Protein backbone atom coordinates (compact mmCIF):
# COMPACT_ATOMS: atom_id res chain seq x y z
CA MET A 1 -10.62 -16.26 2.20
CA SER A 2 -7.51 -14.71 0.54
CA LYS A 3 -4.15 -16.04 1.05
CA TYR A 4 -2.72 -12.67 2.01
CA SER A 5 -4.32 -9.52 3.45
CA THR A 6 -3.49 -6.39 5.25
CA LYS A 7 -5.64 -3.54 6.90
CA ILE A 8 -5.44 0.00 7.69
CA ALA A 9 -7.49 1.75 10.46
CA ILE A 10 -9.05 5.10 9.50
CA TRP A 11 -9.99 7.68 11.95
CA ASN A 12 -11.54 11.16 11.08
CA LYS A 13 -10.16 13.25 13.88
CA THR A 14 -11.32 16.44 12.07
CA ARG A 15 -14.36 18.59 13.01
CA THR A 16 -15.91 18.15 9.63
CA PRO A 17 -16.91 15.22 7.37
CA ARG A 18 -13.83 13.74 5.56
CA VAL A 19 -13.99 11.87 2.33
CA PHE A 20 -11.80 8.89 1.64
CA TYR A 21 -11.35 7.47 -1.90
CA VAL A 22 -9.98 4.09 -2.62
CA GLU A 23 -8.26 4.13 -5.94
CA PRO A 24 -7.96 3.37 -8.87
CA CYS A 25 -11.65 2.21 -8.60
CA GLY A 26 -12.74 5.74 -7.10
CA ASN A 27 -14.96 4.35 -4.35
CA ASP A 28 -15.70 7.01 -1.76
CA TYR A 29 -16.44 6.85 1.89
CA THR A 30 -17.24 9.90 4.09
CA LEU A 31 -16.37 9.52 7.59
CA LEU A 32 -18.05 11.91 10.04
CA PRO A 33 -16.12 13.51 12.97
CA ARG A 34 -14.82 10.93 15.24
CA GLU A 35 -16.01 8.11 12.94
CA LYS A 36 -13.71 5.23 12.41
CA ALA A 37 -13.40 2.49 9.62
CA GLU A 38 -11.04 -0.26 8.52
CA LEU A 39 -9.77 -0.89 5.01
CA TRP A 40 -9.03 -4.59 4.35
CA ILE A 41 -6.98 -5.19 1.25
CA PHE A 42 -6.70 -8.86 -0.12
CA SER A 43 -4.54 -10.71 -2.67
CA GLU A 44 -3.82 -14.28 -3.78
CA THR A 45 -0.34 -13.62 -4.95
CA GLU A 46 1.46 -11.31 -2.49
CA LEU A 47 1.10 -9.15 0.69
CA PRO A 48 -1.00 -6.27 -0.60
CA SER A 49 0.38 -2.68 -0.33
CA PHE A 50 -0.98 0.62 -0.51
CA GLU A 51 -0.19 4.40 -0.82
CA ILE A 52 -1.79 7.26 0.93
CA VAL A 53 -2.22 10.65 -0.58
CA GLU A 54 -3.55 13.52 1.56
CA ASN A 55 -5.24 16.50 0.12
CA ASP A 56 -6.73 19.62 1.77
CA LYS A 57 -10.30 18.21 1.16
CA CYS A 58 -9.83 14.36 0.90
CA THR A 59 -7.56 11.33 1.50
CA SER A 60 -6.78 8.93 -1.53
CA ILE A 61 -5.75 5.31 -0.72
CA PHE A 62 -4.25 3.61 -3.71
CA CYS A 63 -4.32 -0.13 -3.66
CA MET A 64 -4.13 -2.56 -6.46
CA ALA A 65 -6.02 -5.43 -5.00
CA ASP A 66 -9.38 -6.48 -3.65
CA PHE A 67 -10.70 -4.59 -0.77
CA LYS A 68 -13.47 -3.96 1.64
CA MET A 69 -14.25 -1.05 3.89
CA MET A 70 -15.52 -2.16 7.23
CA GLN A 71 -16.94 -0.85 10.36
CA GLY A 72 -16.89 -3.73 12.99
CA ASP A 73 -18.73 -6.53 11.23
CA ARG A 74 -20.41 -4.34 8.67
CA GLU A 75 -19.20 -3.77 5.11
CA LEU A 76 -19.65 -0.05 4.11
CA GLU A 77 -21.02 0.67 0.69
CA CYS A 78 -19.54 3.03 -1.83
CA GLY A 79 -20.95 6.34 -1.05
CA HIS A 80 -21.06 5.84 2.71
CA ASN A 81 -22.33 9.18 4.23
CA ARG A 82 -21.96 10.93 0.94
CA ASP A 83 -24.88 13.25 1.69
CA SER A 84 -23.18 14.44 5.02
CA ASP A 85 -20.35 16.19 3.20
CA ASP A 86 -21.49 19.85 2.82
CA ASP A 87 -18.37 20.80 0.95
CA PRO A 88 -18.19 19.02 -2.50
CA VAL A 89 -14.85 17.49 -3.07
CA ASN A 90 -12.99 17.44 -6.40
CA PRO A 91 -12.33 13.79 -7.60
CA PRO A 92 -8.71 12.67 -6.80
CA ALA A 93 -7.79 12.66 -10.48
CA SER A 94 -7.37 16.38 -10.15
CA ASN A 95 -5.11 16.02 -7.23
CA PRO A 96 -1.68 17.13 -8.33
CA ASP A 97 -0.18 15.34 -5.62
CA ALA A 98 -1.51 11.81 -6.60
CA PRO A 99 1.10 9.33 -7.61
CA SER A 100 1.24 8.87 -11.35
CA GLU A 101 2.27 5.70 -13.23
CA SER A 102 5.60 7.51 -14.04
CA ASN A 103 6.55 7.72 -10.23
């Protein structure tokens, strides 16, 4: 168990599948309409923080710590529901709104 942790609840309230990326590792999780998950972020040295960047086609969550994407007691694997997404999403690296190291 890590000394510090935080979590963010994620709901897809849209009518289409929504891709969530966890950066900088690039893990992707597709949540179907009305699907919910929780991102747990862990650290041994400080309270973990994160940044959220919204894009027309996806959401990117930037965290510099260990994490798990959970639904209840089940850990979701990278690529969760990936085949459910009919509209391919460009990787967040092409997102001009993504924070850069100079920000």
